């Protein structure tokens, strides 16, 4: 540890740390757009294509940072133009065009460096260009990287809306007057700057890893572009600095260590990222299976309860469980309020859940027969699977399209939707007052207010504990107590109904 602390006090180590930090941030920010625009292979191409420019610059001005930077950027831009021309003008696949051009440019660079090295007193190490030499970063290199970093960050901030539009909606961007091709070439210019600025740190081969891997990690962790850019920059920074630290501790090459650290973060995200991680998906899958198993259990219990055949042995036989497994399921569901205490009977909550599941099954069977033309023998298995995924809103739309059927194709009754009241409606939601209310008193009060069933109403606002609804261009104020008792069904206009698959 004392040796490590001594190393970090050296000027070359501080320069290496600053250079790797700036390169990590720069590649992370730009990489987010490169990955989203499917330009990862172009980044690889530009990284390899800089060598001829380096050779020409070395011949003309010698081994200066500004000279090599200028030559490398020029070679990158020429490569980008040639690739784009082939893709647009020649009948060649996009990835093939990239491969053809960058391998040719890289070969020219290797030949040029080999020719230069044969001259006496001249040494241009190809290995430093391929894998970087961050421990040899000079103060001039630091200034150059800083300038490029500031330019890239400023460009992304100022032109963010243009990058966003051309990345996700290029057609709409054109209609807005944005030149998609100009933005594309400018992004290629920023990419060329970043690749050349990263030359000293990770080299032309591993710079692709710093462009792609942190951005790919960020895409697993967020869906919003601004967050993706920030997260990608953060992982780029951490990967570069941590990789440098590991390389110094283990006395190995820094560039590959940075790439491996970035890859490690990527696979951690692959495993544990919310929503997209494998662990999260496996957990959700287990939860889904458990929910389906519980819902099927309640549905079977409900049917046996309605037929007065409910007991532990029959329920176990229907579910293909042992009696011990059945008892465990009952206990679990009872603790969640779906079974009555100390009785093998569904509670009101359990009955409602089972009824809505049966409603979903039978409505979907009816839809498959009436709108898709399937026979009664073909519908049960599909309805058995999809019933667990149909939302109440979708079922209401299907119910309306079918004309509120009371029986399914097999002649079984379709349960009505669990009561929804006016007080539960969001503002501007349309609904239909149902014929069946909880009591005749509610029906009479609705009659007095002139509110008719089967005629759409719309909740306008909630004022002073009362609810204002509109029916046939007439505003009616309903007291809170009555609004909490009136059963309604959501209503959808023809456009919404036509969106049902």
Protein backbone atom coordinates (compact mmCIF):
# COMPACT_ATOMS: atom_id res chain seq x y z
CA UNK A 1 0.00 0.00 0.00
CA UNK A 2 2.91 2.34 0.71
CA UNK A 3 4.25 1.74 -2.79
CA UNK A 4 0.85 2.44 -4.29
CA UNK A 5 0.54 5.67 -2.34
CA UNK A 6 4.01 6.66 -3.52
CA UNK A 7 3.08 5.94 -7.14
CA UNK A 8 -0.02 8.16 -6.96
CA UNK A 9 2.16 11.08 -5.90
CA UNK A 10 4.14 10.87 -9.13
CA UNK A 11 3.35 13.43 -11.84
CA UNK A 12 2.93 10.76 -14.54
CA UNK A 13 0.31 8.97 -12.40
CA UNK A 14 -1.65 12.20 -11.87
CA UNK A 15 -1.55 12.90 -15.61
CA UNK A 16 -2.70 9.34 -16.32
CA UNK A 17 -5.54 9.70 -13.82
CA UNK A 18 -6.73 13.01 -15.30
CA UNK A 19 -6.47 11.71 -18.85
CA UNK A 20 -8.37 8.49 -18.11
CA UNK A 21 -11.09 10.41 -16.23
CA UNK A 22 -11.68 12.81 -19.11
CA UNK A 23 -11.62 10.05 -21.70
CA UNK A 24 -14.09 7.98 -19.66
CA UNK A 25 -16.56 10.87 -19.42
CA UNK A 26 -16.13 11.86 -23.07
CA UNK A 27 -16.56 8.34 -24.44
CA UNK A 28 -19.48 7.67 -22.11
CA UNK A 29 -21.44 10.77 -23.20
CA UNK A 30 -20.81 10.30 -26.90
CA UNK A 31 -21.23 6.52 -26.70
CA UNK A 32 -24.87 6.89 -25.63
CA UNK A 33 -25.74 8.43 -29.01
CA UNK A 34 -23.45 6.09 -30.94
CA UNK A 35 -25.11 2.97 -29.53
CA UNK A 36 -28.66 4.31 -29.92
CA UNK A 37 -27.99 5.20 -33.56
CA UNK A 38 -26.48 1.75 -34.29
CA UNK A 39 -23.13 3.37 -35.11
CA UNK A 40 -20.98 1.12 -32.94
CA UNK A 41 -19.25 -0.47 -35.92
CA UNK A 42 -18.55 2.98 -37.40
CA UNK A 43 -16.80 3.88 -34.16
CA UNK A 44 -14.66 0.80 -34.55
CA UNK A 45 -13.95 1.76 -38.16
CA UNK A 46 -12.89 5.31 -37.33
CA UNK A 47 -10.66 4.04 -34.53
CA UNK A 48 -8.75 1.79 -36.93
CA UNK A 49 -8.76 4.23 -39.84
CA UNK A 50 -6.74 6.94 -38.10
CA UNK A 51 -3.37 5.27 -38.69
CA UNK A 52 -2.78 6.63 -42.25
CA UNK A 53 -3.46 10.13 -40.95
CA UNK A 54 -0.99 9.58 -38.11
CA UNK A 55 1.65 8.45 -40.60
CA UNK A 56 1.15 11.45 -42.89
CA UNK A 57 1.17 13.87 -39.94
CA UNK A 58 4.37 12.29 -38.57
CA UNK A 59 6.07 12.71 -41.94
CA UNK A 60 4.98 16.35 -42.27
CA UNK A 61 5.29 17.77 -38.72
CA UNK A 62 6.89 15.06 -36.62
CA UNK A 63 5.58 13.47 -33.43
CA UNK A 64 3.66 16.41 -31.96
CA UNK A 65 0.30 16.05 -30.23
CA UNK A 66 -1.44 18.70 -32.36
CA UNK A 67 0.02 17.32 -35.58
CA UNK A 68 -0.93 13.72 -34.87
CA UNK A 69 -4.39 14.86 -33.71
CA UNK A 70 -5.00 16.79 -36.92
CA UNK A 71 -3.84 13.97 -39.16
CA UNK A 72 -5.89 11.37 -37.30
CA UNK A 73 -9.06 13.47 -37.42
CA UNK A 74 -8.59 14.10 -41.14
CA UNK A 75 -8.20 10.35 -41.77
CA UNK A 76 -11.31 9.62 -39.70
CA UNK A 77 -13.42 12.14 -41.60
CA UNK A 78 -12.21 10.82 -44.96
CA UNK A 79 -13.15 7.31 -43.80
CA UNK A 80 -16.60 8.48 -42.72
CA UNK A 81 -17.25 10.18 -46.06
CA UNK A 82 -16.11 7.13 -48.06
CA UNK A 83 -18.25 4.76 -45.94
CA UNK A 84 -21.32 6.97 -46.33
CA UNK A 85 -20.75 7.30 -50.09
CA UNK A 86 -20.51 3.52 -50.55
CA UNK A 87 -23.60 2.94 -48.41
CA UNK A 88 -25.65 5.45 -50.41
CA UNK A 89 -24.31 5.07 -53.94
CA UNK A 90 -23.12 1.46 -54.23
CA UNK A 91 -25.16 -1.70 -53.87
CA UNK A 92 -23.22 -2.90 -50.83
CA UNK A 93 -24.46 -3.83 -47.37
CA UNK A 94 -23.85 -1.17 -44.71
CA UNK A 95 -21.72 -3.35 -42.45
CA UNK A 96 -19.77 -4.66 -45.44
CA UNK A 97 -19.00 -1.09 -46.58
CA UNK A 98 -17.68 -0.27 -43.11
CA UNK A 99 -15.54 -3.41 -43.02
CA UNK A 100 -14.09 -2.79 -46.49
CA UNK A 101 -13.06 0.80 -45.85
CA UNK A 102 -11.67 0.53 -42.32
CA UNK A 103 -9.60 -2.60 -43.04
CA UNK A 104 -8.11 -0.89 -46.11
CA UNK A 105 -7.29 2.28 -44.12
CA UNK A 106 -5.88 0.26 -41.22
CA UNK A 107 -3.70 -1.73 -43.61
CA UNK A 108 -2.38 1.46 -45.16
CA UNK A 109 -1.51 2.75 -41.69
CA UNK A 110 0.31 -0.41 -40.68
CA UNK A 111 2.33 -0.38 -43.93
CA UNK A 112 3.15 3.32 -43.42
CA UNK A 113 4.32 2.83 -39.83
CA UNK A 114 6.46 -0.16 -40.86
CA UNK A 115 8.06 1.91 -43.64
CA UNK A 116 8.81 4.81 -41.30
CA UNK A 117 10.38 2.55 -38.68
CA UNK A 118 12.90 1.26 -41.24
CA UNK A 119 14.45 4.71 -41.43
CA UNK A 120 17.43 5.26 -39.09
CA UNK A 121 16.67 7.14 -35.89
CA UNK A 122 12.90 6.90 -36.32
CA UNK A 123 10.65 4.84 -34.09
CA UNK A 124 6.84 4.98 -34.20
CA UNK A 125 5.55 2.18 -31.97
CA UNK A 126 2.44 0.55 -33.47
CA UNK A 127 1.66 -1.07 -30.11
CA UNK A 128 1.14 2.34 -28.49
CA UNK A 129 -1.48 3.22 -31.11
CA UNK A 130 -3.23 -0.12 -30.82
CA UNK A 131 -3.39 -0.45 -27.02
CA UNK A 132 -2.53 3.02 -25.76
CA UNK A 133 0.23 4.24 -23.48
CA UNK A 134 -1.52 6.23 -20.78
CA UNK A 135 1.55 6.20 -18.54
CA UNK A 136 3.30 8.27 -21.20
CA UNK A 137 0.66 11.02 -21.39
CA UNK A 138 2.22 14.46 -21.58
CA UNK A 139 0.90 17.79 -20.37
CA UNK A 140 0.26 18.73 -24.00
CA UNK A 141 -1.86 15.60 -24.38
CA UNK A 142 -3.86 16.57 -21.29
CA UNK A 143 -4.69 19.99 -22.69
CA UNK A 144 -5.74 18.42 -25.97
CA UNK A 145 -8.03 15.90 -24.25
CA UNK A 146 -9.52 18.68 -22.10
CA UNK A 147 -10.31 20.82 -25.14
CA UNK A 148 -11.97 17.91 -26.91
CA UNK A 149 -13.94 17.01 -23.77
CA UNK A 150 -15.24 20.58 -23.40
CA UNK A 151 -16.13 20.70 -27.09
CA UNK A 152 -18.00 17.37 -26.97
CA UNK A 153 -19.93 18.27 -23.81
CA UNK A 154 -20.82 21.72 -25.10
CA UNK A 155 -21.99 20.26 -28.42
CA UNK A 156 -24.19 17.68 -26.69
CA UNK A 157 -25.74 20.30 -24.39
CA UNK A 158 -26.37 22.89 -27.11
CA UNK A 159 -27.52 20.44 -29.79
CA UNK A 160 -29.28 17.94 -27.53
CA UNK A 161 -32.71 18.50 -29.13
CA UNK A 162 -31.24 17.89 -32.60
CA UNK A 163 -29.45 14.73 -31.51
CA UNK A 164 -32.62 13.51 -29.78
CA UNK A 165 -34.87 14.14 -32.79
CA UNK A 166 -32.56 12.63 -35.39
CA UNK A 167 -31.82 9.61 -33.20
CA UNK A 168 -35.40 8.56 -32.49
CA UNK A 169 -37.56 10.28 -35.14
CA UNK A 170 -35.46 11.14 -38.21
CA UNK A 171 -38.53 11.52 -40.46
CA UNK A 172 -40.20 13.96 -38.07
CA UNK A 173 -36.85 15.75 -37.70
CA UNK A 174 -36.81 16.33 -41.47
CA UNK A 175 -40.33 17.76 -41.39
CA UNK A 176 -39.13 20.15 -38.65
CA UNK A 177 -36.42 21.41 -41.00
CA UNK A 178 -33.54 19.61 -39.31
CA UNK A 179 -30.85 18.31 -41.66
CA UNK A 180 -30.47 14.70 -40.52
CA UNK A 181 -27.39 14.20 -42.69
CA UNK A 182 -25.67 17.29 -41.25
CA UNK A 183 -26.31 16.09 -37.70
CA UNK A 184 -24.99 12.66 -38.69
CA UNK A 185 -21.75 14.07 -40.07
CA UNK A 186 -21.31 16.36 -37.07
CA UNK A 187 -21.72 13.37 -34.77
CA UNK A 188 -19.08 11.57 -36.85
CA UNK A 189 -16.81 14.57 -36.33
CA UNK A 190 -17.31 14.39 -32.55
CA UNK A 191 -16.68 10.67 -32.72
CA UNK A 192 -13.44 11.25 -34.61
CA UNK A 193 -12.33 13.83 -32.03
CA UNK A 194 -13.09 11.45 -29.18
CA UNK A 195 -11.35 8.50 -30.80
CA UNK A 196 -8.19 10.48 -31.47
CA UNK A 197 -8.22 12.05 -28.00
CA UNK A 198 -8.49 8.54 -26.51
CA UNK A 199 -5.54 7.31 -28.53
CA UNK A 200 -3.00 7.73 -25.73
CA UNK A 201 -5.18 6.19 -23.02
CA UNK A 202 -6.76 3.04 -24.43
CA UNK A 203 -5.60 2.88 -28.05
CA UNK A 204 -7.52 2.45 -31.28
CA UNK A 205 -8.70 -1.07 -30.47
CA UNK A 206 -10.00 -0.62 -26.92
CA UNK A 207 -11.52 2.84 -27.47
CA UNK A 208 -14.49 1.01 -28.98
CA UNK A 209 -15.05 -0.71 -25.64
CA UNK A 210 -15.10 2.65 -23.84
CA UNK A 211 -17.60 4.01 -26.37
CA UNK A 212 -19.95 1.04 -26.42
CA UNK A 213 -19.82 -0.75 -23.06
CA UNK A 214 -20.70 2.09 -20.63
CA UNK A 215 -23.50 3.23 -22.95
CA UNK A 216 -24.86 -0.31 -23.21
CA UNK A 217 -24.77 -0.54 -19.42
CA UNK A 218 -26.70 2.73 -19.11
CA UNK A 219 -29.35 1.50 -21.56
CA UNK A 220 -30.06 -1.40 -19.23
CA UNK A 221 -30.60 0.96 -16.30
CA UNK A 222 -32.77 3.71 -17.79
CA UNK A 223 -35.13 4.57 -20.64
CA UNK A 224 -34.76 8.37 -20.64
CA UNK A 225 -32.04 9.70 -22.91
CA UNK A 226 -30.77 12.41 -20.57
CA UNK A 227 -30.36 9.85 -17.78
CA UNK A 228 -28.72 7.39 -20.16
CA UNK A 229 -26.14 10.03 -21.12
CA UNK A 230 -25.36 10.85 -17.47
CA UNK A 231 -25.19 7.20 -16.38
CA UNK A 232 -23.01 6.31 -19.35
CA UNK A 233 -20.60 9.14 -18.51
CA UNK A 234 -20.51 7.99 -14.88
CA UNK A 235 -19.71 4.39 -15.80
CA UNK A 236 -17.12 5.59 -18.30
CA UNK A 237 -15.45 7.63 -15.58
CA UNK A 238 -15.51 4.80 -13.02
CA UNK A 239 -14.34 2.19 -15.54
CA UNK A 240 -11.41 4.31 -16.70
CA UNK A 241 -10.17 5.36 -13.26
CA UNK A 242 -10.76 1.99 -11.59
CA UNK A 243 -9.13 0.22 -14.53
CA UNK A 244 -6.09 2.49 -14.22
CA UNK A 245 -5.84 1.80 -10.47
CA UNK A 246 -6.07 -1.97 -11.04
CA UNK A 247 -3.43 -1.78 -13.78
CA UNK A 248 -1.01 0.04 -11.47
CA UNK A 249 -1.63 -2.38 -8.60
CA UNK A 250 -1.27 -5.48 -10.78
CA UNK A 251 1.48 -3.96 -12.96
CA UNK A 252 -0.41 -4.63 -16.19
CA UNK A 253 -1.56 -2.64 -19.21
CA UNK A 254 -4.16 0.07 -18.31
CA UNK A 255 -6.20 0.03 -21.55
CA UNK A 256 -7.32 -3.60 -21.34
CA UNK A 257 -7.93 -3.21 -17.59
CA UNK A 258 -10.30 -0.30 -18.26
CA UNK A 259 -12.16 -2.28 -20.90
CA UNK A 260 -12.51 -5.27 -18.59
CA UNK A 261 -13.85 -3.13 -15.73
CA UNK A 262 -16.42 -1.59 -18.09
CA UNK A 263 -17.40 -5.09 -19.21
CA UNK A 264 -17.75 -6.21 -15.58
CA UNK A 265 -20.17 -3.34 -14.89
CA UNK A 266 -22.11 -4.31 -18.01
CA UNK A 267 -22.59 -7.91 -16.89
CA UNK A 268 -23.56 -6.75 -13.39
CA UNK A 269 -26.26 -4.65 -15.05
CA UNK A 270 -27.27 -7.61 -17.20
CA UNK A 271 -27.87 -9.59 -14.03
CA UNK A 272 -29.28 -7.01 -11.61
CA UNK A 273 -30.68 -4.05 -13.61
CA UNK A 274 -34.28 -3.14 -12.66
CA UNK A 275 -36.83 -4.31 -15.26
CA UNK A 276 -34.20 -5.51 -17.77
CA UNK A 277 -31.86 -7.56 -15.57
CA UNK A 278 -32.00 -11.35 -15.64
CA UNK A 279 -32.52 -11.55 -11.87
CA UNK A 280 -35.39 -9.06 -12.04
CA UNK A 281 -36.97 -10.92 -14.96
CA UNK A 282 -36.64 -14.24 -13.16
CA UNK A 283 -38.22 -12.72 -10.04
CA UNK A 284 -41.08 -11.25 -12.06
CA UNK A 285 -41.58 -14.58 -13.80
CA UNK A 286 -41.78 -16.38 -10.46
CA UNK A 287 -44.22 -13.79 -9.16
CA UNK A 288 -46.34 -14.13 -12.28
CA UNK A 289 -46.42 -17.90 -11.98
CA UNK A 290 -47.37 -17.61 -8.32
CA UNK A 291 -50.15 -15.11 -9.12
CA UNK A 292 -51.54 -17.34 -11.87
CA UNK A 293 -51.39 -20.34 -9.56
CA UNK A 294 -53.27 -18.44 -6.82
CA UNK A 295 -55.86 -17.09 -9.25
CA UNK A 296 -56.51 -20.57 -10.66
CA UNK A 297 -56.81 -21.85 -7.11
CA UNK A 298 -59.42 -19.21 -6.23
CA UNK A 299 -61.29 -19.77 -9.48
CA UNK A 300 -61.53 -23.51 -8.84
CA UNK A 301 -62.55 -22.87 -5.21
CA UNK A 302 -65.29 -20.48 -6.37
CA UNK A 303 -66.74 -22.99 -8.80
CA UNK A 304 -66.77 -25.76 -6.21
CA UNK A 305 -68.27 -23.36 -3.67
CA UNK A 306 -71.07 -22.43 -6.09
CA UNK A 307 -71.77 -26.12 -6.73
CA UNK A 308 -71.75 -26.93 -2.98
CA UNK A 309 -68.97 -29.46 -3.56
CA UNK A 310 -66.16 -27.58 -1.81
CA UNK A 311 -64.03 -29.65 0.54
CA UNK A 312 -60.33 -30.21 0.97
CA UNK A 313 -60.11 -33.53 -0.89
CA UNK A 314 -62.13 -32.40 -3.93
CA UNK A 315 -60.22 -29.12 -4.17
CA UNK A 316 -56.91 -31.00 -3.94
CA UNK A 317 -58.01 -33.40 -6.67
CA UNK A 318 -59.12 -30.58 -8.99
CA UNK A 319 -55.84 -28.71 -8.54
CA UNK A 320 -53.69 -31.89 -8.64
CA UNK A 321 -52.20 -31.00 -5.25
CA UNK A 322 -51.67 -33.00 -2.13
CA UNK A 323 -53.91 -32.00 0.76
CA UNK A 324 -50.89 -30.53 2.54
CA UNK A 325 -50.13 -28.32 -0.48
CA UNK A 326 -53.78 -27.29 -0.67
CA UNK A 327 -53.79 -26.31 3.00
CA UNK A 328 -50.64 -24.21 2.51
CA UNK A 329 -52.26 -22.38 -0.41
CA UNK A 330 -55.41 -21.75 1.60
CA UNK A 331 -53.39 -20.42 4.51
CA UNK A 332 -51.38 -18.09 2.27
CA UNK A 333 -54.50 -16.75 0.54
CA UNK A 334 -56.28 -16.42 3.89
CA UNK A 335 -53.46 -14.26 5.21
CA UNK A 336 -54.03 -11.97 2.21
CA UNK A 337 -57.78 -11.76 2.88
CA UNK A 338 -59.00 -14.04 0.06
CA UNK A 339 -60.38 -16.79 2.37
CA UNK A 340 -62.57 -16.53 5.42
CA UNK A 341 -60.96 -17.11 8.77
CA UNK A 342 -61.03 -20.73 9.94
CA UNK A 343 -63.32 -21.76 7.04
CA UNK A 344 -62.66 -23.28 3.64
CA UNK A 345 -64.68 -20.53 1.97
CA UNK A 346 -63.72 -17.58 -0.18
CA UNK A 347 -64.15 -14.15 1.37
CA UNK A 348 -65.91 -11.36 -0.53
CA UNK A 349 -62.50 -10.24 -1.78
CA UNK A 350 -61.73 -13.76 -2.99
CA UNK A 351 -65.15 -14.10 -4.65
CA UNK A 352 -64.72 -10.82 -6.51
CA UNK A 353 -61.29 -11.87 -7.74
CA UNK A 354 -62.58 -15.27 -8.91
CA UNK A 355 -65.62 -13.72 -10.59
CA UNK A 356 -63.53 -11.24 -12.55
CA UNK A 357 -61.22 -14.03 -13.65
CA UNK A 358 -64.19 -16.04 -14.86
CA UNK A 359 -65.55 -12.90 -16.53
CA UNK A 360 -62.25 -12.39 -18.36
CA UNK A 361 -62.20 -16.03 -19.48
CA UNK A 362 -65.74 -16.08 -20.81
CA UNK A 363 -65.62 -12.64 -22.42
CA UNK A 364 -62.45 -13.59 -24.26
CA UNK A 365 -64.00 -16.86 -25.42
CA UNK A 366 -66.96 -14.89 -26.74
CA UNK A 367 -64.64 -12.44 -28.50
CA UNK A 368 -62.66 -15.28 -30.14
CA UNK A 369 -65.84 -16.85 -31.47
CA UNK A 370 -67.69 -13.73 -32.62
CA UNK A 371 -64.80 -11.64 -33.98
CA UNK A 372 -62.09 -14.14 -34.92
CA UNK A 373 -64.36 -16.93 -36.09
CA UNK A 374 -62.86 -19.68 -33.95
CA UNK A 375 -64.92 -22.70 -33.02
CA UNK A 376 -65.91 -23.52 -29.47
CA UNK A 377 -63.37 -26.37 -29.40
CA UNK A 378 -60.50 -23.97 -30.11
CA UNK A 379 -61.07 -21.24 -27.58
CA UNK A 380 -60.79 -22.72 -24.09
CA UNK A 381 -57.02 -23.25 -23.88
CA UNK A 382 -56.18 -19.78 -25.18
CA UNK A 383 -58.71 -18.12 -22.87
CA UNK A 384 -57.32 -20.14 -19.97
CA UNK A 385 -53.89 -18.59 -20.56
CA UNK A 386 -54.81 -15.03 -21.46
CA UNK A 387 -57.44 -14.49 -18.75
CA UNK A 388 -54.67 -13.63 -16.28
CA UNK A 389 -53.38 -10.71 -18.40
CA UNK A 390 -56.59 -8.90 -19.38
CA UNK A 391 -57.00 -5.59 -17.56
CA UNK A 392 -60.37 -4.27 -16.40
CA UNK A 393 -60.24 -1.42 -18.92
CA UNK A 394 -59.58 -3.80 -21.81
CA UNK A 395 -62.36 -6.12 -20.65
CA UNK A 396 -64.76 -3.18 -20.48
CA UNK A 397 -63.91 -2.33 -24.09
CA UNK A 398 -64.40 -5.94 -25.17
CA UNK A 399 -67.65 -6.08 -23.22
CA UNK A 400 -68.98 -3.00 -25.02
CA UNK A 401 -67.89 -4.20 -28.45
CA UNK A 402 -69.67 -7.50 -27.86
CA UNK A 403 -72.83 -5.68 -26.77
CA UNK A 404 -72.62 -6.68 -23.08
CA UNK A 405 -73.30 -10.41 -23.53
CA UNK A 406 -74.70 -12.36 -20.58
CA UNK A 407 -73.55 -15.83 -21.72
CA UNK A 408 -70.42 -17.22 -23.33
CA UNK A 409 -70.38 -19.54 -26.40
CA UNK A 410 -70.80 -22.56 -24.11
CA UNK A 411 -73.95 -21.09 -22.56
CA UNK A 412 -72.29 -20.27 -19.20
CA UNK A 413 -73.23 -16.94 -17.57
CA UNK A 414 -70.71 -14.10 -17.78
CA UNK A 415 -70.31 -12.38 -14.40
CA UNK A 416 -70.72 -8.60 -14.39
CA UNK A 417 -67.80 -6.35 -13.53
CA UNK A 418 -67.09 -5.66 -9.89
CA UNK A 419 -68.98 -2.48 -9.07
CA UNK A 420 -67.30 0.79 -9.95
CA UNK A 421 -68.88 3.90 -8.46
CA UNK A 422 -69.09 7.50 -9.66
CA UNK A 423 -66.88 8.60 -6.77
CA UNK A 424 -64.10 6.33 -8.09
CA UNK A 425 -64.10 7.85 -11.59
CA UNK A 426 -61.27 10.17 -12.60
CA UNK A 427 -62.23 13.61 -13.91
CA UNK A 428 -63.26 13.57 -17.61
CA UNK A 429 -63.83 9.81 -17.52
CA UNK A 430 -66.95 8.68 -19.34
CA UNK A 431 -69.15 5.99 -17.83
CA UNK A 432 -72.57 4.33 -18.05
CA UNK A 433 -74.90 3.99 -15.08
CA UNK A 434 -75.80 0.33 -14.75
CA UNK A 435 -79.38 -0.93 -14.49
CA UNK A 436 -78.68 -2.91 -11.34
CA UNK A 437 -77.92 -0.76 -8.28
CA UNK A 438 -77.33 -1.86 -4.70
CA UNK A 439 -80.83 -0.77 -3.70
CA UNK A 440 -84.07 0.63 -5.10
CA UNK A 441 -83.46 3.80 -3.08
CA UNK A 442 -80.35 4.54 -5.20
CA UNK A 443 -82.32 3.90 -8.39
CA UNK A 444 -85.10 6.24 -7.20
CA UNK A 445 -82.65 9.04 -6.36
CA UNK A 446 -81.05 8.72 -9.79
CA UNK A 447 -84.52 8.91 -11.34
CA UNK A 448 -85.24 12.10 -9.38
CA UNK A 449 -82.01 13.64 -10.66
CA UNK A 450 -82.92 12.66 -14.22
CA UNK A 451 -79.90 10.37 -14.65
CA UNK A 452 -80.74 7.45 -16.92
CA UNK A 453 -78.96 4.09 -17.26
CA UNK A 454 -77.19 3.17 -20.52
CA UNK A 455 -76.73 6.87 -21.34
CA UNK A 456 -73.11 8.01 -21.13
CA UNK A 457 -72.14 10.43 -18.37
CA UNK A 458 -68.89 12.32 -17.90
CA UNK A 459 -67.44 13.40 -14.58
CA UNK A 460 -66.72 17.13 -14.90
CA UNK A 461 -65.33 18.03 -11.49
CA UNK A 462 -65.43 17.43 -7.76
CA UNK A 463 -66.58 20.47 -5.78
CA UNK A 464 -67.18 20.74 -2.02
CA UNK A 465 -67.68 17.03 -1.53
CA UNK A 466 -70.11 16.78 -4.47
CA UNK A 467 -69.64 15.40 -7.97
CA UNK A 468 -70.73 17.25 -11.09
CA UNK A 469 -71.53 14.95 -14.01
CA UNK A 470 -72.73 15.71 -17.51
CA UNK A 471 -75.39 13.64 -19.27
CA UNK A 472 -76.80 14.72 -22.62
CA UNK A 473 -75.37 18.25 -22.26
CA UNK A 474 -76.93 18.68 -18.81
CA UNK A 475 -74.88 19.19 -15.63
CA UNK A 476 -76.12 17.32 -12.56
CA UNK A 477 -74.67 17.65 -9.04
CA UNK A 478 -74.55 14.38 -7.06
CA UNK A 479 -73.91 14.31 -3.29
CA UNK A 480 -70.85 12.36 -2.19
CA UNK A 481 -72.90 9.70 -0.35
CA UNK A 482 -74.97 8.95 -3.45
CA UNK A 483 -71.95 9.09 -5.79
CA UNK A 484 -70.24 6.45 -3.63
CA UNK A 485 -73.22 4.11 -4.05
CA UNK A 486 -74.01 4.47 -7.79
CA UNK A 487 -72.61 1.57 -9.83
CA UNK A 488 -71.23 2.49 -13.26
CA UNK A 489 -69.24 0.97 -16.10
CA UNK A 490 -66.51 2.82 -17.94
CA UNK A 491 -67.57 3.97 -21.40
CA UNK A 492 -65.29 4.17 -24.43
CA UNK A 493 -66.05 5.93 -27.69
CA UNK A 494 -65.84 4.17 -31.05
CA UNK A 495 -62.24 5.16 -31.63
CA UNK A 496 -61.10 3.60 -28.37
CA UNK A 497 -63.20 0.48 -28.95
CA UNK A 498 -61.66 -0.03 -32.37
CA UNK A 499 -58.23 -0.33 -30.76
CA UNK A 500 -59.15 -3.67 -29.18
CA UNK A 501 -56.97 -6.32 -30.85
